[in-house]
Each structure stands twice: as structure tokens, then as C-alpha cells.
Amino acid sequence: MKIVAETRAKTGTSASKQARAAGKLPAVVYGKQVESLPILLDLKEFEDVIREVGSNGVFKIDVDGEEYSVFVKDTAEFALVQKLYHVDLQAFTAGEKVIMTIPVYVDGEEEIEAGIVSQSISEIELEIAPEEAPEYFTVDVSELEIGDMLTVADMEMPEDAELITETDETVVSVNAPEDISEDLEPTESSDVMPEPEVIGADEDEEDTEEE
């Protein structure tokens, strides 16, 4: 997959707004072999490519005749609508390993009859050649019981990948539901009502004694 991009002649808020209005997506390309390079991508074309290759997928961009192999390093969306605002693309050379963030999804949660599934981390960092990186990891919890947990060490990693996330990090665990029955029990109440305190009564008695 390849996208033809154009160099951003102008940068800044005003120029970016004009580009977005024209269906363009402001982006930056960077890497060991390229300094920070502001570009514009066709938004629809970019979304089509990501839909095909996946969020961590590798594709090529052509900028003024120069071709780069890239993957999406980071994205930014508008606060009120799910629409891309800006994207960072990391360029790499063949065989080069880079640090990538891979999302983690839980599968089989509906098979848990007792207990509550708690996911502690939703992504894992590893150093890997981008063309070998998985789009995501899936953790199967269908066989877990209350008290069980899975750590990063329990997950199968791609060959030649170096973990950045600590192996003892808990990914998912199954916990017992909290027992709230005691909180719902009515508290004991006394049938004897306390006598009301008469404000100033002590002062009146003291005044009477002094007289």
C-alpha cells in the first residue's frame, strides 16, 4: 500500500484548518533516516489504508518522489467527534527494530460464570521490526477461575521481539465479587428516645443558686 503525500508548505493553526477543510490530514514523518517532515495526506485515502493494513500496519508514502516505509506511531482526534486531527508516522528501514505499542484485548469473558474479570494493562511495548509486529494481542480468559491471573510472561510474543513492558506485569485477573450484604443489613435502633437537652437550663440553675 502506498499513499502519495505532499510537503506542507505552511504550518500553524490557520494552515492546518484550511488543509482539513480541503479533506487533508496534517501529519509528521520522522525516523533515524529522516528529520521531522511535515506533510499532508488525503484523509479518506489514509483511512482506507489503515482499514486494510491495521492500526500497526506498515505502508509506504511518497513525498516529492522520496519513498518511506512507515507505520502509525500516534494519532490525535477532535475532542467532540471521532475524527482524525493529526497523525505521527515513524519511518524505518528494512530490518530495523523500533519500539511499538501493541494493544491487548480480552476474549472469553462471557465464559466466566463466577468472578469479575479485571484488565490491568491494555497495551504492551516491545522492540520489533514493524513488518513483523502483530496488530494486537488477544488474551483468552475463558478457562480462568477466581484468584487466577495472567501476566505478560504468560503471553506468546513474536520471535525476535524484545519486551519493554516488565514480564511480571499483571495483564488480567479474575476477582471475587465484593460481598455487600453486610452493608445492606439494617442497623439496630433503640426504642428509647433520648431526652431533649434544654438549652440554658444549667445556666438558670446556677443563677438560682447564686441568688
C-alpha atoms as a PDB file:
ATOM      1  CA  MET A   1       0.000   0.000   0.000  1.00  0.00           C
ATOM      2  CA  LYS A   2       1.273   3.451  -0.877  1.00  0.00           C
ATOM      3  CA  ILE A   3      -0.012   6.979  -0.341  1.00  0.00           C
ATOM      4  CA  VAL A   4       1.236   9.979  -2.253  1.00  0.00           C
ATOM      5  CA  ALA A   5       1.723  12.804   0.249  1.00  0.00           C
ATOM      6  CA  GLU A   6       2.629  16.430  -0.207  1.00  0.00           C
ATOM      7  CA  THR A   7       5.038  18.556   1.779  1.00  0.00           C
ATOM      8  CA  ARG A   8       3.370  21.120   3.978  1.00  0.00           C
ATOM      9  CA  ALA A   9       4.462  24.496   2.640  1.00  0.00           C
ATOM     10  CA  LYS A  10       2.771  26.255   5.562  1.00  0.00           C
ATOM     11  CA  THR A  11       2.342  25.123   9.138  1.00  0.00           C
ATOM     12  CA  GLY A  12       0.348  26.536  12.020  1.00  0.00           C
ATOM     13  CA  THR A  13      -3.273  26.519  13.149  1.00  0.00           C
ATOM     14  CA  SER A  14      -4.696  28.532  10.264  1.00  0.00           C
ATOM     15  CA  ALA A  15      -2.931  26.490   7.580  1.00  0.00           C
ATOM     16  CA  SER A  16      -3.971  23.219   9.239  1.00  0.00           C
ATOM     17  CA  LYS A  17      -7.619  24.324   9.367  1.00  0.00           C
ATOM     18  CA  GLN A  18      -7.558  25.126   5.662  1.00  0.00           C
ATOM     19  CA  ALA A  19      -5.973  21.752   4.901  1.00  0.00           C
ATOM     20  CA  ARG A  20      -8.597  19.858   6.913  1.00  0.00           C
ATOM     21  CA  ALA A  21     -11.381  21.783   5.198  1.00  0.00           C
ATOM     22  CA  ALA A  22      -9.976  20.523   1.898  1.00  0.00           C
ATOM     23  CA  GLY A  23     -10.036  16.898   3.093  1.00  0.00           C
ATOM     24  CA  LYS A  24      -6.359  16.744   4.008  1.00  0.00           C
ATOM     25  CA  LEU A  25      -4.825  15.309   7.176  1.00  0.00           C
ATOM     26  CA  PRO A  26      -1.796  17.097   8.689  1.00  0.00           C
ATOM     27  CA  ALA A  27       0.948  14.641   9.580  1.00  0.00           C
ATOM     28  CA  VAL A  28       4.615  14.424  10.507  1.00  0.00           C
ATOM     29  CA  VAL A  29       7.132  11.806   9.365  1.00  0.00           C
ATOM     30  CA  TYR A  30      10.228  11.134  11.449  1.00  0.00           C
ATOM     31  CA  GLY A  31      12.810   8.424  11.993  1.00  0.00           C
ATOM     32  CA  LYS A  32      16.528   7.676  12.036  1.00  0.00           C
ATOM     33  CA  GLN A  33      16.835   8.300   8.313  1.00  0.00           C
ATOM     34  CA  VAL A  34      14.581  11.374   8.139  1.00  0.00           C
ATOM     35  CA  GLU A  35      14.256  14.525  10.190  1.00  0.00           C
ATOM     36  CA  SER A  36      10.827  15.735  11.228  1.00  0.00           C
ATOM     37  CA  LEU A  37       8.991  16.257   7.947  1.00  0.00           C
ATOM     38  CA  PRO A  38       5.538  17.977   7.954  1.00  0.00           C
ATOM     39  CA  ILE A  39       3.261  16.558   5.260  1.00  0.00           C
ATOM     40  CA  LEU A  40      -0.370  16.408   4.177  1.00  0.00           C
ATOM     41  CA  LEU A  41      -2.228  13.177   3.464  1.00  0.00           C
ATOM     42  CA  ASP A  42      -5.574  12.648   1.795  1.00  0.00           C
ATOM     43  CA  LEU A  43      -7.785  11.827   4.794  1.00  0.00           C
ATOM     44  CA  LYS A  44     -10.023   9.314   3.044  1.00  0.00           C
ATOM     45  CA  GLU A  45      -7.088   7.566   1.399  1.00  0.00           C
ATOM     46  CA  PHE A  46      -5.285   7.316   4.731  1.00  0.00           C
ATOM     47  CA  GLU A  47      -8.359   5.883   6.479  1.00  0.00           C
ATOM     48  CA  ASP A  48      -8.787   3.316   3.695  1.00  0.00           C
ATOM     49  CA  VAL A  49      -5.166   2.201   4.025  1.00  0.00           C
ATOM     50  CA  ILE A  50      -5.365   1.857   7.828  1.00  0.00           C
ATOM     51  CA  ARG A  51      -8.593  -0.085   7.467  1.00  0.00           C
ATOM     52  CA  GLU A  52      -6.750  -2.538   5.231  1.00  0.00           C
ATOM     53  CA  VAL A  53      -3.351  -2.864   6.934  1.00  0.00           C
ATOM     54  CA  GLY A  54      -4.497  -2.382  10.543  1.00  0.00           C
ATOM     55  CA  SER A  55      -3.584   0.137  13.236  1.00  0.00           C
ATOM     56  CA  ASN A  56       0.040  -1.082  13.419  1.00  0.00           C
ATOM     57  CA  GLY A  57       0.285  -1.995   9.760  1.00  0.00           C
ATOM     58  CA  VAL A  58       3.154  -0.979   7.523  1.00  0.00           C
ATOM     59  CA  PHE A  59       2.619   1.048   4.358  1.00  0.00           C
ATOM     60  CA  LYS A  60       4.580   3.401   2.124  1.00  0.00           C
ATOM     61  CA  ILE A  61       4.283   7.102   1.489  1.00  0.00           C
ATOM     62  CA  ASP A  62       5.724   9.040  -1.411  1.00  0.00           C
ATOM     63  CA  VAL A  63       6.806  12.592  -0.622  1.00  0.00           C
ATOM     64  CA  ASP A  64       8.099  14.527  -3.594  1.00  0.00           C
ATOM     65  CA  GLY A  65       9.430  11.336  -5.173  1.00  0.00           C
ATOM     66  CA  GLU A  66      11.070  10.114  -1.956  1.00  0.00           C
ATOM     67  CA  GLU A  67       9.538   6.874  -0.660  1.00  0.00           C
ATOM     68  CA  TYR A  68       9.345   5.937   3.013  1.00  0.00           C
ATOM     69  CA  SER A  69       8.182   2.791   4.792  1.00  0.00           C
ATOM     70  CA  VAL A  70       6.134   3.936   7.785  1.00  0.00           C
ATOM     71  CA  PHE A  71       3.678   2.903  10.479  1.00  0.00           C
ATOM     72  CA  VAL A  72       1.360   4.990  12.635  1.00  0.00           C
ATOM     73  CA  LYS A  73       3.149   5.986  15.823  1.00  0.00           C
ATOM     74  CA  ASP A  74       0.470   8.217  17.273  1.00  0.00           C
ATOM     75  CA  THR A  75      -2.838   9.857  16.357  1.00  0.00           C
ATOM     76  CA  ALA A  76      -4.880  12.762  17.678  1.00  0.00           C
ATOM     77  CA  GLU A  77      -8.631  13.195  17.321  1.00  0.00           C
ATOM     78  CA  PHE A  78     -11.000  16.092  17.835  1.00  0.00           C
ATOM     79  CA  ALA A  79     -12.414  16.178  21.348  1.00  0.00           C
ATOM     80  CA  LEU A  80     -16.113  16.170  20.444  1.00  0.00           C
ATOM     81  CA  VAL A  81     -16.114  13.996  17.316  1.00  0.00           C
ATOM     82  CA  GLN A  82     -14.229  10.839  16.367  1.00  0.00           C
ATOM     83  CA  LYS A  83     -12.347  12.412  13.509  1.00  0.00           C
ATOM     84  CA  LEU A  84      -8.609  12.431  12.976  1.00  0.00           C
ATOM     85  CA  TYR A  85      -6.904  15.718  13.755  1.00  0.00           C
ATOM     86  CA  HIS A  86      -3.233  14.842  13.272  1.00  0.00           C
ATOM     87  CA  VAL A  87      -1.060  11.759  12.829  1.00  0.00           C
ATOM     88  CA  ASP A  88       2.588  10.921  13.521  1.00  0.00           C
ATOM     89  CA  LEU A  89       4.260   8.461  11.156  1.00  0.00           C
ATOM     90  CA  GLN A  90       7.523   6.748  12.039  1.00  0.00           C
ATOM     91  CA  ALA A  91       9.772   5.876   9.136  1.00  0.00           C
ATOM     92  CA  PHE A  92      12.085   2.857   9.273  1.00  0.00           C
ATOM     93  CA  THR A  93      14.443   0.874   7.086  1.00  0.00           C
ATOM     94  CA  ALA A  94      14.208  -2.842   6.281  1.00  0.00           C
ATOM     95  CA  GLY A  95      15.124  -4.980   9.283  1.00  0.00           C
ATOM     96  CA  GLU A  96      15.316  -2.010  11.656  1.00  0.00           C
ATOM     97  CA  LYS A  97      13.761  -2.638  15.075  1.00  0.00           C
ATOM     98  CA  VAL A  98      11.736   0.105  16.720  1.00  0.00           C
ATOM     99  CA  ILE A  99       9.674   0.383  19.896  1.00  0.00           C
ATOM    100  CA  MET A 100       5.998  -0.196  19.187  1.00  0.00           C
ATOM    101  CA  THR A 101       2.898  -0.149  21.372  1.00  0.00           C
ATOM    102  CA  ILE A 102       0.586  -3.106  20.746  1.00  0.00           C
ATOM    103  CA  PRO A 103      -2.976  -3.102  22.151  1.00  0.00           C
ATOM    104  CA  VAL A 104      -4.224  -6.015  24.260  1.00  0.00           C
ATOM    105  CA  TYR A 105      -7.811  -7.309  24.066  1.00  0.00           C
ATOM    106  CA  VAL A 106      -9.595  -9.795  26.334  1.00  0.00           C
ATOM    107  CA  ASP A 107     -11.506 -12.736  24.863  1.00  0.00           C
ATOM    108  CA  GLY A 108     -13.752 -15.340  26.520  1.00  0.00           C
ATOM    109  CA  GLU A 109     -15.006 -13.091  29.301  1.00  0.00           C
ATOM    110  CA  GLU A 110     -18.568 -14.301  28.715  1.00  0.00           C
ATOM    111  CA  GLU A 111     -17.450 -17.839  29.702  1.00  0.00           C
ATOM    112  CA  ILE A 112     -16.640 -16.750  33.259  1.00  0.00           C
ATOM    113  CA  GLU A 113     -19.575 -17.932  35.394  1.00  0.00           C
ATOM    114  CA  ALA A 114     -18.235 -16.692  38.727  1.00  0.00           C
ATOM    115  CA  GLY A 115     -15.926 -13.775  39.338  1.00  0.00           C
ATOM    116  CA  ILE A 116     -15.188 -10.439  37.763  1.00  0.00           C
ATOM    117  CA  VAL A 117     -12.573 -10.063  35.013  1.00  0.00           C
ATOM    118  CA  SER A 118     -10.248  -7.126  35.603  1.00  0.00           C
ATOM    119  CA  GLN A 119      -7.823  -5.973  32.891  1.00  0.00           C
ATOM    120  CA  SER A 120      -4.820  -4.196  34.389  1.00  0.00           C
ATOM    121  CA  ILE A 121      -2.975  -3.136  31.215  1.00  0.00           C
ATOM    122  CA  SER A 122      -4.391  -2.520  27.754  1.00  0.00           C
ATOM    123  CA  GLU A 123      -1.161  -2.342  25.751  1.00  0.00           C
ATOM    124  CA  ILE A 124       2.316  -3.810  25.646  1.00  0.00           C
ATOM    125  CA  GLU A 125       5.521  -2.178  24.480  1.00  0.00           C
ATOM    126  CA  LEU A 126       8.097  -4.187  22.592  1.00  0.00           C
ATOM    127  CA  GLU A 127      11.025  -3.618  20.259  1.00  0.00           C
ATOM    128  CA  ILE A 128      10.420  -5.304  16.948  1.00  0.00           C
ATOM    129  CA  ALA A 129      10.738  -4.894  13.190  1.00  0.00           C
ATOM    130  CA  PRO A 130       7.449  -3.156  12.222  1.00  0.00           C
ATOM    131  CA  GLU A 131       6.704  -5.575   9.390  1.00  0.00           C
ATOM    132  CA  GLU A 132       6.718  -8.415  11.942  1.00  0.00           C
ATOM    133  CA  ALA A 133       4.601  -6.687  14.586  1.00  0.00           C
ATOM    134  CA  PRO A 134       1.098  -8.016  15.362  1.00  0.00           C
ATOM    135  CA  GLU A 135      -1.849  -5.670  15.048  1.00  0.00           C
ATOM    136  CA  TYR A 136      -2.945  -6.613  18.570  1.00  0.00           C
ATOM    137  CA  PHE A 137      -2.661  -9.310  21.255  1.00  0.00           C
ATOM    138  CA  THR A 138      -5.644 -11.378  22.433  1.00  0.00           C
ATOM    139  CA  VAL A 139      -5.775 -12.855  25.937  1.00  0.00           C
ATOM    140  CA  ASP A 140      -8.156 -15.807  26.424  1.00  0.00           C
ATOM    141  CA  VAL A 141      -9.670 -15.854  29.930  1.00  0.00           C
ATOM    142  CA  SER A 142     -12.369 -18.482  29.352  1.00  0.00           C
ATOM    143  CA  GLU A 143     -10.556 -21.105  31.483  1.00  0.00           C
ATOM    144  CA  LEU A 144      -9.697 -18.817  34.388  1.00  0.00           C
ATOM    145  CA  GLU A 145     -11.275 -19.047  37.843  1.00  0.00           C
ATOM    146  CA  ILE A 146     -11.486 -16.715  40.810  1.00  0.00           C
ATOM    147  CA  GLY A 147      -7.972 -15.947  42.016  1.00  0.00           C
ATOM    148  CA  ASP A 148      -6.317 -16.699  38.666  1.00  0.00           C
ATOM    149  CA  MET A 149      -4.290 -14.136  36.754  1.00  0.00           C
ATOM    150  CA  LEU A 150      -2.225 -13.845  33.602  1.00  0.00           C
ATOM    151  CA  THR A 151       0.954 -11.799  33.371  1.00  0.00           C
ATOM    152  CA  VAL A 152       2.942 -10.552  30.410  1.00  0.00           C
ATOM    153  CA  ALA A 153       5.170 -13.618  30.811  1.00  0.00           C
ATOM    154  CA  ASP A 154       2.160 -15.845  30.042  1.00  0.00           C
ATOM    155  CA  MET A 155       1.647 -14.234  26.628  1.00  0.00           C
ATOM    156  CA  GLU A 156       3.166 -15.558  23.429  1.00  0.00           C
ATOM    157  CA  MET A 157       5.422 -12.988  21.805  1.00  0.00           C
ATOM    158  CA  PRO A 158       6.649 -12.845  18.191  1.00  0.00           C
ATOM    159  CA  GLU A 159      10.097 -14.225  17.507  1.00  0.00           C
ATOM    160  CA  ASP A 160      12.965 -11.725  17.665  1.00  0.00           C
ATOM    161  CA  ALA A 161      10.809  -9.310  19.675  1.00  0.00           C
ATOM    162  CA  GLU A 162      12.285  -7.749  22.806  1.00  0.00           C
ATOM    163  CA  LEU A 163       9.824  -6.906  25.557  1.00  0.00           C
ATOM    164  CA  ILE A 164       9.925  -3.403  27.009  1.00  0.00           C
ATOM    165  CA  THR A 165       6.999  -3.959  29.383  1.00  0.00           C
ATOM    166  CA  GLU A 166       8.016  -5.890  32.511  1.00  0.00           C
ATOM    167  CA  THR A 167       7.197  -9.599  32.302  1.00  0.00           C
ATOM    168  CA  ASP A 168       5.679  -9.701  35.807  1.00  0.00           C
ATOM    169  CA  GLU A 169       3.067  -7.060  34.955  1.00  0.00           C
ATOM    170  CA  THR A 170      -0.454  -8.411  35.507  1.00  0.00           C
ATOM    171  CA  VAL A 171      -2.473  -8.288  32.299  1.00  0.00           C
ATOM    172  CA  VAL A 172      -5.786  -9.695  33.510  1.00  0.00           C
ATOM    173  CA  SER A 173      -7.153 -11.299  36.687  1.00  0.00           C
ATOM    174  CA  VAL A 174     -10.397 -12.816  37.935  1.00  0.00           C
ATOM    175  CA  ASN A 175     -11.573 -11.492  41.280  1.00  0.00           C
ATOM    176  CA  ALA A 176     -14.407 -12.499  43.598  1.00  0.00           C
ATOM    177  CA  PRO A 177     -17.433 -10.193  43.551  1.00  0.00           C
ATOM    178  CA  GLU A 178     -17.485  -7.848  46.525  1.00  0.00           C
ATOM    179  CA  ASP A 179     -19.853  -9.005  49.285  1.00  0.00           C
ATOM    180  CA  ILE A 180     -22.054  -6.018  50.028  1.00  0.00           C
ATOM    181  CA  SER A 181     -24.675  -7.963  52.063  1.00  0.00           C
ATOM    182  CA  GLU A 182     -23.334  -6.627  55.358  1.00  0.00           C
ATOM    183  CA  ASP A 183     -23.686  -3.082  54.108  1.00  0.00           C
ATOM    184  CA  LEU A 184     -27.344  -3.742  53.308  1.00  0.00           C
ATOM    185  CA  GLU A 185     -28.270  -5.131  56.793  1.00  0.00           C
ATOM    186  CA  PRO A 186     -30.392  -2.720  58.849  1.00  0.00           C
ATOM    187  CA  THR A 187     -28.660  -1.248  61.871  1.00  0.00           C
ATOM    188  CA  GLU A 188     -30.102  -1.897  65.309  1.00  0.00           C
ATOM    189  CA  SER A 189     -32.050   1.016  66.719  1.00  0.00           C
ATOM    190  CA  SER A 190     -33.081   1.693  70.301  1.00  0.00           C
ATOM    191  CA  ASP A 191     -36.763   2.126  71.218  1.00  0.00           C
ATOM    192  CA  VAL A 192     -35.778   4.593  73.919  1.00  0.00           C
ATOM    193  CA  MET A 193     -35.657   8.133  72.636  1.00  0.00           C
ATOM    194  CA  PRO A 194     -33.020  10.350  74.224  1.00  0.00           C
ATOM    195  CA  GLU A 195     -34.355  13.186  76.306  1.00  0.00           C
ATOM    196  CA  PRO A 196     -34.048  16.570  74.625  1.00  0.00           C
ATOM    197  CA  GLU A 197     -31.450  18.886  76.025  1.00  0.00           C
ATOM    198  CA  VAL A 198     -32.847  22.155  77.304  1.00  0.00           C
ATOM    199  CA  ILE A 199     -30.518  24.924  76.304  1.00  0.00           C
ATOM    200  CA  GLY A 200     -29.796  27.289  79.110  1.00  0.00           C
ATOM    201  CA  ALA A 201     -31.186  25.009  81.845  1.00  0.00           C
ATOM    202  CA  ASP A 202     -27.844  24.695  83.635  1.00  0.00           C
ATOM    203  CA  GLU A 203     -27.309  28.426  83.490  1.00  0.00           C
ATOM    204  CA  ASP A 204     -30.733  29.075  85.107  1.00  0.00           C
ATOM    205  CA  GLU A 205     -29.929  26.611  87.936  1.00  0.00           C
ATOM    206  CA  GLU A 206     -26.578  28.318  88.528  1.00  0.00           C
ATOM    207  CA  ASP A 207     -28.235  31.733  88.638  1.00  0.00           C
ATOM    208  CA  THR A 208     -30.825  30.438  91.175  1.00  0.00           C
ATOM    209  CA  GLU A 209     -28.113  29.013  93.444  1.00  0.00           C
ATOM    210  CA  GLU A 210     -26.175  32.306  93.359  1.00  0.00           C
ATOM    211  CA  GLU A 211     -29.272  34.235  94.427  1.00  0.00           C
END
